[in-house]
Amino acid sequence: MTTTRRHFVQTLGSAAALGALYPLSGFAQTLEQVKIMYGFPAGSAGDSVARRVAEKLGGTAYSKNPGFVENKPGAGGRIAVETLKSAPADGSVLTLAPVSALAVYPHIYPKLSYKPDDVAPVSIGAVMHHGLAVGPAVPAEVKTLADFLKWAKANPDKAMYGTPGAGSMPHLLGALLGIRSGVELKQVPYRGTVPSITDLVGGQVASAVNPSGDYLQYMKAGRVRVLATSGKKRSPYLPDVPTFAEQGFPDVTSEEWFGFYAPAKISPTQLAAANAAITGALKDKSVVDALGVVGLIAHGSTPQEMLADQKAEFERWGPLVKQIGFTAES
């Protein structure tokens, strides 16, 4: 067991023990307002999760007023998680991050500026599928994943895919597809999904792997074609698009989620209040519907469920990251 993995597993054990000793109940402080940091630009699907939940936090036992979102883009979302380490531990500052920031990045960045026990899981926010899409740089007759791979093999100088950032889940899915298909696909990392799709639509990059919901408006306008999605089953928002698994790549799968995190030293009672307010917001029909517009499935959880799922993702992606061969120094 590597040092990073051992530390992660020890962290999970400590968190479970803490939960047993201090049940999540009791009196919590009602805050004036809550800030949610999000490590990618405004306008992306994940940003919608932060904003829709933030606006529903007011008038709860957790916060008197609606929350607000601070975008801190860069480094594949790592900046927002790192900043959370030094935030007040009263629950007034949270971070919304993809699970890969805690479950995959430890395998990729040996000098990662945070550890899993620097933050406390609060609740999963929404589940997403990723999708491979092509734009106007790829001929119109390319209509399936097999077509694209054939085209990419014949045009190696153009066989590039944009991602929200190096080391992100979309990056790893694209790299894994390249390995499994035997076709060299070159990643072009961006600072979030919005600039990635902007270049895809503009023809500056042939393809992209991003949360599938971020493509919806461009698909309807006929500006991109989504060829595959990453779920175990087809996305409910793209029912006509087959999964990677259906098209011969069973392990190119991911149902990544965005989760809310608090500073590690938050009290159990304050963590319980944050969880109750967030999971309550995620049951609100207006929030569910708004997230559906951008292809996200609202999905609340307990902190323990979130931590367990994070651990499962950590264990799954460790061997695959090693096989892909990507590190921060790659």
C-alpha atoms as a PDB file:
ATOM      1  CA  MET A   1       0.000   0.000   0.000  1.00  0.00           C
ATOM      2  CA  THR A   2       1.432   3.372  -1.008  1.00  0.00           C
ATOM      3  CA  THR A   3       1.843   6.165   1.530  1.00  0.00           C
ATOM      4  CA  THR A   4      -0.923   8.175  -0.136  1.00  0.00           C
ATOM      5  CA  ARG A   5      -3.315   5.257  -0.167  1.00  0.00           C
ATOM      6  CA  ARG A   6      -2.467   4.291   3.427  1.00  0.00           C
ATOM      7  CA  HIS A   7      -3.084   7.845   4.559  1.00  0.00           C
ATOM      8  CA  PHE A   8      -6.408   7.936   2.723  1.00  0.00           C
ATOM      9  CA  VAL A   9      -7.609   4.690   4.278  1.00  0.00           C
ATOM     10  CA  GLN A  10      -6.475   5.819   7.747  1.00  0.00           C
ATOM     11  CA  THR A  11      -8.416   9.037   7.212  1.00  0.00           C
ATOM     12  CA  LEU A  12     -11.569   7.096   6.394  1.00  0.00           C
ATOM     13  CA  GLY A  13     -11.158   5.033   9.556  1.00  0.00           C
ATOM     14  CA  SER A  14     -10.674   8.121  11.690  1.00  0.00           C
ATOM     15  CA  ALA A  15     -13.728   9.796  10.179  1.00  0.00           C
ATOM     16  CA  ALA A  16     -15.879   6.737  10.812  1.00  0.00           C
ATOM     17  CA  ALA A  17     -14.685   6.561  14.421  1.00  0.00           C
ATOM     18  CA  LEU A  18     -15.406  10.249  14.911  1.00  0.00           C
ATOM     19  CA  GLY A  19     -18.922   9.799  13.556  1.00  0.00           C
ATOM     20  CA  ALA A  20     -19.551   6.989  16.017  1.00  0.00           C
ATOM     21  CA  LEU A  21     -18.302   9.015  18.978  1.00  0.00           C
ATOM     22  CA  TYR A  22     -20.119  12.209  18.048  1.00  0.00           C
ATOM     23  CA  PRO A  23     -23.483  11.583  16.426  1.00  0.00           C
ATOM     24  CA  LEU A  24     -24.573  14.367  14.074  1.00  0.00           C
ATOM     25  CA  SER A  25     -27.184  15.946  16.305  1.00  0.00           C
ATOM     26  CA  GLY A  26     -27.565  18.760  18.800  1.00  0.00           C
ATOM     27  CA  PHE A  27     -27.508  22.548  18.729  1.00  0.00           C
ATOM     28  CA  ALA A  28     -25.961  24.326  15.744  1.00  0.00           C
ATOM     29  CA  GLN A  29     -25.110  27.981  15.188  1.00  0.00           C
ATOM     30  CA  THR A  30     -27.268  29.756  12.603  1.00  0.00           C
ATOM     31  CA  LEU A  31     -24.911  31.685  10.331  1.00  0.00           C
ATOM     32  CA  GLU A  32     -25.600  35.036   8.694  1.00  0.00           C
ATOM     33  CA  GLN A  33     -24.535  33.799   5.256  1.00  0.00           C
ATOM     34  CA  VAL A  34     -22.611  30.954   3.625  1.00  0.00           C
ATOM     35  CA  LYS A  35     -20.038  31.219   0.852  1.00  0.00           C
ATOM     36  CA  ILE A  36     -19.607  28.309  -1.557  1.00  0.00           C
ATOM     37  CA  MET A  37     -16.325  28.202  -3.473  1.00  0.00           C
ATOM     38  CA  TYR A  38     -16.321  26.486  -6.852  1.00  0.00           C
ATOM     39  CA  GLY A  39     -13.049  25.722  -8.613  1.00  0.00           C
ATOM     40  CA  PHE A  40     -14.181  26.305 -12.197  1.00  0.00           C
ATOM     41  CA  PRO A  41     -15.574  29.276 -14.169  1.00  0.00           C
ATOM     42  CA  ALA A  42     -19.161  30.464 -13.946  1.00  0.00           C
ATOM     43  CA  GLY A  43     -21.550  29.090 -16.535  1.00  0.00           C
ATOM     44  CA  SER A  44     -20.666  25.398 -16.289  1.00  0.00           C
ATOM     45  CA  ALA A  45     -22.970  22.634 -15.064  1.00  0.00           C
ATOM     46  CA  GLY A  46     -21.210  22.369 -11.701  1.00  0.00           C
ATOM     47  CA  ASP A  47     -21.557  26.098 -11.179  1.00  0.00           C
ATOM     48  CA  SER A  48     -25.326  25.606 -11.429  1.00  0.00           C
ATOM     49  CA  VAL A  49     -25.212  23.173  -8.499  1.00  0.00           C
ATOM     50  CA  ALA A  50     -23.396  25.698  -6.310  1.00  0.00           C
ATOM     51  CA  ARG A  51     -25.727  28.573  -7.217  1.00  0.00           C
ATOM     52  CA  ARG A  52     -29.021  26.704  -7.029  1.00  0.00           C
ATOM     53  CA  VAL A  53     -28.191  25.250  -3.625  1.00  0.00           C
ATOM     54  CA  ALA A  54     -26.716  28.516  -2.317  1.00  0.00           C
ATOM     55  CA  GLU A  55     -29.890  30.457  -3.024  1.00  0.00           C
ATOM     56  CA  LYS A  56     -31.954  27.934  -1.018  1.00  0.00           C
ATOM     57  CA  LEU A  57     -29.851  28.039   2.168  1.00  0.00           C
ATOM     58  CA  GLY A  58     -31.498  31.162   3.581  1.00  0.00           C
ATOM     59  CA  GLY A  59     -34.158  30.816   6.240  1.00  0.00           C
ATOM     60  CA  THR A  60     -32.817  27.507   7.513  1.00  0.00           C
ATOM     61  CA  ALA A  61     -31.258  26.491  10.831  1.00  0.00           C
ATOM     62  CA  TYR A  62     -27.950  26.677   8.984  1.00  0.00           C
ATOM     63  CA  SER A  63     -28.107  30.186   7.491  1.00  0.00           C
ATOM     64  CA  LYS A  64     -30.301  33.253   7.902  1.00  0.00           C
ATOM     65  CA  ASN A  65     -29.648  34.496   4.361  1.00  0.00           C
ATOM     66  CA  PRO A  66     -29.180  32.871   0.962  1.00  0.00           C
ATOM     67  CA  GLY A  67     -25.604  31.874   0.238  1.00  0.00           C
ATOM     68  CA  PHE A  68     -23.369  33.151  -2.537  1.00  0.00           C
ATOM     69  CA  VAL A  69     -20.831  31.566  -4.867  1.00  0.00           C
ATOM     70  CA  GLU A  70     -17.201  32.529  -5.376  1.00  0.00           C
ATOM     71  CA  ASN A  71     -15.588  31.068  -8.488  1.00  0.00           C
ATOM     72  CA  LYS A  72     -11.931  30.176  -8.018  1.00  0.00           C
ATOM     73  CA  PRO A  73     -10.981  28.551 -11.352  1.00  0.00           C
ATOM     74  CA  GLY A  74      -7.667  26.915 -12.082  1.00  0.00           C
ATOM     75  CA  ALA A  75      -5.596  23.790 -11.478  1.00  0.00           C
ATOM     76  CA  GLY A  76      -8.514  21.461 -12.250  1.00  0.00           C
ATOM     77  CA  GLY A  77     -10.469  22.668  -9.199  1.00  0.00           C
ATOM     78  CA  ARG A  78      -7.601  22.185  -6.758  1.00  0.00           C
ATOM     79  CA  ILE A  79      -7.370  25.871  -5.805  1.00  0.00           C
ATOM     80  CA  ALA A  80     -10.857  25.901  -4.288  1.00  0.00           C
ATOM     81  CA  VAL A  81     -10.147  22.770  -2.225  1.00  0.00           C
ATOM     82  CA  GLU A  82      -6.784  24.097  -1.056  1.00  0.00           C
ATOM     83  CA  THR A  83      -8.340  27.426  -0.041  1.00  0.00           C
ATOM     84  CA  LEU A  84     -10.901  25.599   2.082  1.00  0.00           C
ATOM     85  CA  LYS A  85      -8.148  24.325   4.387  1.00  0.00           C
ATOM     86  CA  SER A  86      -7.640  27.774   5.937  1.00  0.00           C
ATOM     87  CA  ALA A  87     -11.316  28.819   5.950  1.00  0.00           C
ATOM     88  CA  PRO A  88     -13.235  29.330   9.205  1.00  0.00           C
ATOM     89  CA  ALA A  89     -14.427  25.980  10.581  1.00  0.00           C
ATOM     90  CA  ASP A  90     -17.873  27.304  11.518  1.00  0.00           C
ATOM     91  CA  GLY A  91     -19.428  26.177   8.238  1.00  0.00           C
ATOM     92  CA  SER A  92     -19.586  29.675   6.775  1.00  0.00           C
ATOM     93  CA  VAL A  93     -17.338  28.594   3.893  1.00  0.00           C
ATOM     94  CA  LEU A  94     -17.842  25.446   1.831  1.00  0.00           C
ATOM     95  CA  THR A  95     -16.350  24.158  -1.392  1.00  0.00           C
ATOM     96  CA  LEU A  96     -18.163  22.354  -4.174  1.00  0.00           C
ATOM     97  CA  ALA A  97     -15.749  19.993  -5.915  1.00  0.00           C
ATOM     98  CA  PRO A  98     -15.857  16.996  -8.245  1.00  0.00           C
ATOM     99  CA  VAL A  99     -15.083  13.752  -6.443  1.00  0.00           C
ATOM    100  CA  SER A 100     -11.958  13.410  -8.609  1.00  0.00           C
ATOM    101  CA  ALA A 101     -10.371  16.288  -6.669  1.00  0.00           C
ATOM    102  CA  LEU A 102     -10.263  14.045  -3.574  1.00  0.00           C
ATOM    103  CA  ALA A 103     -10.315  10.551  -5.064  1.00  0.00           C
ATOM    104  CA  VAL A 104      -8.195  10.820  -8.224  1.00  0.00           C
ATOM    105  CA  TYR A 105      -5.807  13.737  -7.726  1.00  0.00           C
ATOM    106  CA  PRO A 106      -3.963  12.007  -4.832  1.00  0.00           C
ATOM    107  CA  HIS A 107      -2.853   9.399  -7.375  1.00  0.00           C
ATOM    108  CA  ILE A 108      -1.696  12.036  -9.850  1.00  0.00           C
ATOM    109  CA  TYR A 109      -0.083  14.801  -7.804  1.00  0.00           C
ATOM    110  CA  PRO A 110       2.609  13.493  -5.409  1.00  0.00           C
ATOM    111  CA  LYS A 111       2.954  16.985  -3.932  1.00  0.00           C
ATOM    112  CA  LEU A 112      -0.756  17.737  -3.695  1.00  0.00           C
ATOM    113  CA  SER A 113      -1.278  20.800  -1.500  1.00  0.00           C
ATOM    114  CA  TYR A 114      -4.105  19.187   0.494  1.00  0.00           C
ATOM    115  CA  LYS A 115      -4.931  15.804   1.991  1.00  0.00           C
ATOM    116  CA  PRO A 116      -8.289  14.055   2.254  1.00  0.00           C
ATOM    117  CA  ASP A 117      -8.465  14.810   5.982  1.00  0.00           C
ATOM    118  CA  ASP A 118      -8.057  18.556   5.363  1.00  0.00           C
ATOM    119  CA  VAL A 119     -11.744  18.673   4.430  1.00  0.00           C
ATOM    120  CA  ALA A 120     -14.960  17.075   5.678  1.00  0.00           C
ATOM    121  CA  PRO A 121     -17.586  15.643   3.302  1.00  0.00           C
ATOM    122  CA  VAL A 122     -20.989  17.294   3.793  1.00  0.00           C
ATOM    123  CA  SER A 123     -23.220  15.955   1.015  1.00  0.00           C
ATOM    124  CA  ILE A 124     -23.113  14.860  -2.583  1.00  0.00           C
ATOM    125  CA  GLY A 125     -24.795  17.526  -4.695  1.00  0.00           C
ATOM    126  CA  ALA A 126     -25.384  16.117  -8.166  1.00  0.00           C
ATOM    127  CA  VAL A 127     -24.352  13.209 -10.361  1.00  0.00           C
ATOM    128  CA  MET A 128     -23.147  13.702 -13.919  1.00  0.00           C
ATOM    129  CA  HIS A 129     -22.185  11.669 -16.951  1.00  0.00           C
ATOM    130  CA  HIS A 130     -19.365  12.802 -19.235  1.00  0.00           C
ATOM    131  CA  GLY A 131     -19.604  12.803 -22.995  1.00  0.00           C
ATOM    132  CA  LEU A 132     -17.297  12.742 -25.987  1.00  0.00           C
ATOM    133  CA  ALA A 133     -18.425  15.321 -28.534  1.00  0.00           C
ATOM    134  CA  VAL A 134     -17.104  16.429 -31.905  1.00  0.00           C
ATOM    135  CA  GLY A 135     -17.486  19.806 -33.571  1.00  0.00           C
ATOM    136  CA  PRO A 136     -17.133  21.364 -37.038  1.00  0.00           C
ATOM    137  CA  ALA A 137     -13.451  20.365 -37.297  1.00  0.00           C
ATOM    138  CA  VAL A 138     -14.615  16.754 -37.786  1.00  0.00           C
ATOM    139  CA  PRO A 139     -16.407  15.774 -41.024  1.00  0.00           C
ATOM    140  CA  ALA A 140     -20.194  15.525 -40.833  1.00  0.00           C
ATOM    141  CA  GLU A 141     -20.121  11.860 -41.865  1.00  0.00           C
ATOM    142  CA  VAL A 142     -18.493  11.001 -38.525  1.00  0.00           C
ATOM    143  CA  LYS A 143     -21.594   9.959 -36.593  1.00  0.00           C
ATOM    144  CA  THR A 144     -20.455   7.212 -34.196  1.00  0.00           C
ATOM    145  CA  LEU A 145     -17.586   6.570 -31.816  1.00  0.00           C
ATOM    146  CA  ALA A 146     -16.176   3.982 -34.247  1.00  0.00           C
ATOM    147  CA  ASP A 147     -16.315   6.586 -37.023  1.00  0.00           C
ATOM    148  CA  PHE A 148     -14.438   9.079 -34.864  1.00  0.00           C
ATOM    149  CA  LEU A 149     -11.720   6.641 -33.868  1.00  0.00           C
ATOM    150  CA  LYS A 150     -11.221   5.684 -37.518  1.00  0.00           C
ATOM    151  CA  TRP A 151     -11.001   9.372 -38.457  1.00  0.00           C
ATOM    152  CA  ALA A 152      -8.617  10.109 -35.568  1.00  0.00           C
ATOM    153  CA  LYS A 153      -6.316   7.274 -36.595  1.00  0.00           C
ATOM    154  CA  ALA A 154      -6.240   8.601 -40.151  1.00  0.00           C
ATOM    155  CA  ASN A 155      -5.669  12.181 -38.987  1.00  0.00           C
ATOM    156  CA  PRO A 156      -3.219  11.948 -36.052  1.00  0.00           C
ATOM    157  CA  ASP A 157      -2.287  15.633 -36.279  1.00  0.00           C
ATOM    158  CA  LYS A 158      -5.937  16.568 -35.616  1.00  0.00           C
ATOM    159  CA  ALA A 159      -6.784  13.829 -33.107  1.00  0.00           C
ATOM    160  CA  MET A 160      -7.109  16.085 -30.065  1.00  0.00           C
ATOM    161  CA  TYR A 161      -9.706  16.337 -27.320  1.00  0.00           C
ATOM    162  CA  GLY A 162     -10.340  19.275 -25.024  1.00  0.00           C
ATOM    163  CA  THR A 163     -10.920  18.750 -21.293  1.00  0.00           C
ATOM    164  CA  PRO A 164     -11.698  20.948 -18.263  1.00  0.00           C
ATOM    165  CA  GLY A 165      -8.136  20.379 -17.032  1.00  0.00           C
ATOM    166  CA  ALA A 166      -5.218  17.975 -16.890  1.00  0.00           C
ATOM    167  CA  GLY A 167      -5.867  15.148 -14.452  1.00  0.00           C
ATOM    168  CA  SER A 168      -9.627  15.684 -14.493  1.00  0.00           C
ATOM    169  CA  MET A 169     -12.016  12.790 -14.977  1.00  0.00           C
ATOM    170  CA  PRO A 170     -12.676  13.786 -18.626  1.00  0.00           C
ATOM    171  CA  HIS A 171      -8.909  13.728 -19.236  1.00  0.00           C
ATOM    172  CA  LEU A 172      -8.621  10.221 -17.791  1.00  0.00           C
ATOM    173  CA  LEU A 173     -11.633   8.929 -19.723  1.00  0.00           C
ATOM    174  CA  GLY A 174     -10.153  10.222 -22.990  1.00  0.00           C
ATOM    175  CA  ALA A 175      -6.755   8.737 -22.172  1.00  0.00           C
ATOM    176  CA  LEU A 176      -8.322   5.391 -21.281  1.00  0.00           C
ATOM    177  CA  LEU A 177     -10.297   5.413 -24.533  1.00  0.00           C
ATOM    178  CA  GLY A 178      -7.059   5.987 -26.421  1.00  0.00           C
ATOM    179  CA  ILE A 179      -5.385   3.044 -24.686  1.00  0.00           C
ATOM    180  CA  ARG A 180      -8.306   0.676 -25.159  1.00  0.00           C
ATOM    181  CA  SER A 181      -8.819   1.616 -28.825  1.00  0.00           C
ATOM    182  CA  GLY A 182      -5.148   1.765 -29.764  1.00  0.00           C
ATOM    183  CA  VAL A 183      -5.652   5.251 -31.219  1.00  0.00           C
ATOM    184  CA  GLU A 184      -3.452   8.089 -29.996  1.00  0.00           C
ATOM    185  CA  LEU A 185      -5.675  10.896 -28.700  1.00  0.00           C
ATOM    186  CA  LYS A 186      -3.918  14.064 -27.532  1.00  0.00           C
ATOM    187  CA  GLN A 187      -5.417  15.988 -24.622  1.00  0.00           C
ATOM    188  CA  VAL A 188      -5.784  19.787 -24.743  1.00  0.00           C
ATOM    189  CA  PRO A 189      -6.401  20.983 -21.157  1.00  0.00           C
ATOM    190  CA  TYR A 190      -8.495  24.105 -20.528  1.00  0.00           C
ATOM    191  CA  ARG A 191      -9.447  26.064 -17.417  1.00  0.00           C
ATOM    192  CA  GLY A 192     -12.917  24.554 -17.184  1.00  0.00           C
ATOM    193  CA  THR A 193     -15.606  23.219 -19.511  1.00  0.00           C
ATOM    194  CA  VAL A 194     -16.750  26.575 -20.906  1.00  0.00           C
ATOM    195  CA  PRO A 195     -13.517  27.460 -22.763  1.00  0.00           C
ATOM    196  CA  SER A 196     -13.164  23.833 -23.858  1.00  0.00           C
ATOM    197  CA  ILE A 197     -16.580  23.837 -25.511  1.00  0.00           C
ATOM    198  CA  THR A 198     -16.056  27.331 -26.927  1.00  0.00           C
ATOM    199  CA  ASP A 199     -13.052  26.028 -28.874  1.00  0.00           C
ATOM    200  CA  LEU A 200     -14.923  22.851 -29.829  1.00  0.00           C
ATOM    201  CA  VAL A 201     -17.805  24.848 -31.315  1.00  0.00           C
ATOM    202  CA  GLY A 202     -15.336  27.209 -32.983  1.00  0.00           C
ATOM    203  CA  GLY A 203     -13.428  24.379 -34.656  1.00  0.00           C
ATOM    204  CA  GLN A 204     -10.162  25.021 -32.820  1.00  0.00           C
ATOM    205  CA  VAL A 205     -10.214  21.518 -31.334  1.00  0.00           C
ATOM    206  CA  ALA A 206     -11.709  18.444 -33.009  1.00  0.00           C
ATOM    207  CA  SER A 207     -13.362  16.844 -29.994  1.00  0.00           C
ATOM    208  CA  ALA A 208     -13.861  17.271 -26.267  1.00  0.00           C
ATOM    209  CA  VAL A 209     -14.743  15.257 -23.200  1.00  0.00           C
ATOM    210  CA  ASN A 210     -16.816  17.215 -20.700  1.00  0.00           C
ATOM    211  CA  PRO A 211     -19.904  16.792 -18.509  1.00  0.00           C
ATOM    212  CA  SER A 212     -22.537  15.791 -21.052  1.00  0.00           C
ATOM    213  CA  GLY A 213     -25.022  18.379 -19.802  1.00  0.00           C
ATOM    214  CA  ASP A 214     -22.716  21.170 -20.917  1.00  0.00           C
ATOM    215  CA  TYR A 215     -23.296  20.120 -24.522  1.00  0.00           C
ATOM    216  CA  LEU A 216     -27.100  20.191 -24.480  1.00  0.00           C
ATOM    217  CA  GLN A 217     -27.672  23.706 -25.801  1.00  0.00           C
ATOM    218  CA  TYR A 218     -25.069  23.215 -28.535  1.00  0.00           C
ATOM    219  CA  MET A 219     -26.538  19.862 -29.544  1.00  0.00           C
ATOM    220  CA  LYS A 220     -29.986  21.383 -29.940  1.00  0.00           C
ATOM    221  CA  ALA A 221     -28.473  24.063 -32.166  1.00  0.00           C
ATOM    222  CA  GLY A 222     -26.688  21.404 -34.252  1.00  0.00           C
ATOM    223  CA  ARG A 223     -23.241  22.763 -33.415  1.00  0.00           C
ATOM    224  CA  VAL A 224     -21.799  19.623 -31.772  1.00  0.00           C
ATOM    225  CA  ARG A 225     -22.447  15.890 -31.985  1.00  0.00           C
ATOM    226  CA  VAL A 226     -22.172  13.810 -28.813  1.00  0.00           C
ATOM    227  CA  LEU A 227     -20.943  10.344 -29.785  1.00  0.00           C
ATOM    228  CA  ALA A 228     -20.742   8.564 -26.423  1.00  0.00           C
ATOM    229  CA  THR A 229     -21.512   9.066 -22.742  1.00  0.00           C
ATOM    230  CA  SER A 230     -19.754   7.617 -19.709  1.00  0.00           C
ATOM    231  CA  GLY A 231     -22.563   6.258 -17.553  1.00  0.00           C
ATOM    232  CA  LYS A 232     -23.289   2.631 -16.812  1.00  0.00           C
ATOM    233  CA  LYS A 233     -26.582   3.317 -18.545  1.00  0.00           C
ATOM    234  CA  ARG A 234     -27.534   5.998 -21.057  1.00  0.00           C
ATOM    235  CA  SER A 235     -27.968   9.510 -19.762  1.00  0.00           C
ATOM    236  CA  PRO A 236     -31.650  10.374 -19.183  1.00  0.00           C
ATOM    237  CA  TYR A 237     -30.899  13.688 -20.899  1.00  0.00           C
ATOM    238  CA  LEU A 238     -29.254  12.080 -23.955  1.00  0.00           C
ATOM    239  CA  PRO A 239     -31.228   8.844 -24.363  1.00  0.00           C
ATOM    240  CA  ASP A 240     -30.301   8.495 -28.043  1.00  0.00           C
ATOM    241  CA  VAL A 241     -26.554   8.597 -27.375  1.00  0.00           C
ATOM    242  CA  PRO A 242     -25.003   5.184 -26.623  1.00  0.00           C
ATOM    243  CA  THR A 243     -22.510   4.755 -23.804  1.00  0.00           C
ATOM    244  CA  PHE A 244     -18.833   3.964 -24.290  1.00  0.00           C
ATOM    245  CA  ALA A 245     -19.611   0.537 -22.829  1.00  0.00           C
ATOM    246  CA  GLU A 246     -22.291  -0.143 -25.446  1.00  0.00           C
ATOM    247  CA  GLN A 247     -19.736   0.690 -28.126  1.00  0.00           C
ATOM    248  CA  GLY A 248     -17.110  -1.766 -26.956  1.00  0.00           C
ATOM    249  CA  PHE A 249     -15.316   0.012 -24.114  1.00  0.00           C
ATOM    250  CA  PRO A 250     -16.789  -1.350 -20.859  1.00  0.00           C
ATOM    251  CA  ASP A 251     -14.309   0.265 -18.452  1.00  0.00           C
ATOM    252  CA  VAL A 252     -14.515   3.751 -19.986  1.00  0.00           C
ATOM    253  CA  THR A 253     -17.240   4.555 -17.479  1.00  0.00           C
ATOM    254  CA  SER A 254     -17.760   7.238 -14.873  1.00  0.00           C
ATOM    255  CA  GLU A 255     -20.726   8.653 -13.017  1.00  0.00           C
ATOM    256  CA  GLU A 256     -18.839  11.441 -11.335  1.00  0.00           C
ATOM    257  CA  TRP A 257     -20.445  13.663  -8.750  1.00  0.00           C
ATOM    258  CA  PHE A 258     -20.016  17.150  -7.363  1.00  0.00           C
ATOM    259  CA  GLY A 259     -19.897  17.211  -3.571  1.00  0.00           C
ATOM    260  CA  PHE A 260     -19.989  19.858  -0.870  1.00  0.00           C
ATOM    261  CA  TYR A 261     -17.032  19.945   1.521  1.00  0.00           C
ATOM    262  CA  ALA A 262     -16.383  21.863   4.758  1.00  0.00           C
ATOM    263  CA  PRO A 263     -13.134  22.523   6.649  1.00  0.00           C
ATOM    264  CA  ALA A 264     -12.027  19.421   8.542  1.00  0.00           C
ATOM    265  CA  LYS A 265     -12.470  20.981  11.982  1.00  0.00           C
ATOM    266  CA  ILE A 266     -16.163  21.780  11.547  1.00  0.00           C
ATOM    267  CA  SER A 267     -18.150  20.589  14.565  1.00  0.00           C
ATOM    268  CA  PRO A 268     -20.463  17.580  14.189  1.00  0.00           C
ATOM    269  CA  THR A 269     -23.525  19.713  14.967  1.00  0.00           C
ATOM    270  CA  GLN A 270     -22.593  22.334  12.386  1.00  0.00           C
ATOM    271  CA  LEU A 271     -21.869  19.598   9.846  1.00  0.00           C
ATOM    272  CA  ALA A 272     -25.322  18.155  10.526  1.00  0.00           C
ATOM    273  CA  ALA A 273     -26.929  21.577   9.996  1.00  0.00           C
ATOM    274  CA  ALA A 274     -25.071  22.069   6.713  1.00  0.00           C
ATOM    275  CA  ASN A 275     -26.071  18.616   5.529  1.00  0.00           C
ATOM    276  CA  ALA A 276     -29.729  19.152   6.403  1.00  0.00           C
ATOM    277  CA  ALA A 277     -29.871  22.493   4.580  1.00  0.00           C
ATOM    278  CA  ILE A 278     -28.093  21.196   1.471  1.00  0.00           C
ATOM    279  CA  THR A 279     -30.038  17.938   1.173  1.00  0.00           C
ATOM    280  CA  GLY A 280     -33.237  19.901   1.739  1.00  0.00           C
ATOM    281  CA  ALA A 281     -32.332  22.260  -1.112  1.00  0.00           C
ATOM    282  CA  LEU A 282     -31.598  19.305  -3.393  1.00  0.00           C
ATOM    283  CA  LYS A 283     -35.149  17.998  -2.875  1.00  0.00           C
ATOM    284  CA  ASP A 284     -36.675  21.312  -3.956  1.00  0.00           C
ATOM    285  CA  LYS A 285     -38.416  20.846  -7.317  1.00  0.00           C
ATOM    286  CA  SER A 286     -37.065  24.111  -8.697  1.00  0.00           C
ATOM    287  CA  VAL A 287     -33.514  22.964  -7.937  1.00  0.00           C
ATOM    288  CA  VAL A 288     -34.088  19.490  -9.384  1.00  0.00           C
ATOM    289  CA  ASP A 289     -35.550  21.004 -12.564  1.00  0.00           C
ATOM    290  CA  ALA A 290     -32.798  23.630 -12.907  1.00  0.00           C
ATOM    291  CA  LEU A 291     -30.083  21.001 -12.608  1.00  0.00           C
ATOM    292  CA  GLY A 292     -31.893  18.829 -15.129  1.00  0.00           C
ATOM    293  CA  VAL A 293     -31.622  21.624 -17.695  1.00  0.00           C
ATOM    294  CA  VAL A 294     -27.824  21.250 -17.580  1.00  0.00           C
ATOM    295  CA  GLY A 295     -27.926  17.450 -17.519  1.00  0.00           C
ATOM    296  CA  LEU A 296     -27.324  16.906 -13.809  1.00  0.00           C
ATOM    297  CA  ILE A 297     -29.189  14.590 -11.462  1.00  0.00           C
ATOM    298  CA  ALA A 298     -29.757  16.169  -8.034  1.00  0.00           C
ATOM    299  CA  HIS A 299     -28.557  13.709  -5.414  1.00  0.00           C
ATOM    300  CA  GLY A 300     -28.136  14.414  -1.709  1.00  0.00           C
ATOM    301  CA  SER A 301     -26.409  12.065   0.737  1.00  0.00           C
ATOM    302  CA  THR A 302     -25.166  11.725   4.291  1.00  0.00           C
ATOM    303  CA  PRO A 303     -21.510  12.643   4.976  1.00  0.00           C
ATOM    304  CA  GLN A 304     -20.809   8.960   5.610  1.00  0.00           C
ATOM    305  CA  GLU A 305     -22.297   7.866   2.275  1.00  0.00           C
ATOM    306  CA  MET A 306     -20.300  10.547   0.482  1.00  0.00           C
ATOM    307  CA  LEU A 307     -17.075   9.453   2.165  1.00  0.00           C
ATOM    308  CA  ALA A 308     -17.689   5.789   1.324  1.00  0.00           C
ATOM    309  CA  ASP A 309     -18.316   6.596  -2.336  1.00  0.00           C
ATOM    310  CA  GLN A 310     -15.213   8.779  -2.413  1.00  0.00           C
ATOM    311  CA  LYS A 311     -13.196   5.842  -1.070  1.00  0.00           C
ATOM    312  CA  ALA A 312     -14.603   3.525  -3.749  1.00  0.00           C
ATOM    313  CA  GLU A 313     -13.611   5.979  -6.473  1.00  0.00           C
ATOM    314  CA  PHE A 314     -10.141   6.325  -4.940  1.00  0.00           C
ATOM    315  CA  GLU A 315      -9.664   2.557  -5.009  1.00  0.00           C
ATOM    316  CA  ARG A 316     -11.002   2.194  -8.546  1.00  0.00           C
ATOM    317  CA  TRP A 317      -8.947   4.920 -10.224  1.00  0.00           C
ATOM    318  CA  GLY A 318      -5.601   4.182  -8.582  1.00  0.00           C
ATOM    319  CA  PRO A 319      -4.725   1.230 -10.854  1.00  0.00           C
ATOM    320  CA  LEU A 320      -6.211   2.948 -13.932  1.00  0.00           C
ATOM    321  CA  VAL A 321      -4.181   6.130 -13.372  1.00  0.00           C
ATOM    322  CA  LYS A 322      -1.076   3.964 -13.136  1.00  0.00           C
ATOM    323  CA  GLN A 323      -2.014   2.201 -16.375  1.00  0.00           C
ATOM    324  CA  ILE A 324      -2.682   5.491 -18.141  1.00  0.00           C
ATOM    325  CA  GLY A 325       0.713   6.697 -16.954  1.00  0.00           C
ATOM    326  CA  PHE A 326      -0.276  10.296 -16.236  1.00  0.00           C
ATOM    327  CA  THR A 327       1.305  12.221 -13.376  1.00  0.00           C
ATOM    328  CA  ALA A 328       1.717  15.905 -12.628  1.00  0.00           C
ATOM    329  CA  GLU A 329       5.139  15.691 -14.229  1.00  0.00           C
ATOM    330  CA  SER A 330       3.865  14.003 -17.412  1.00  0.00           C
END
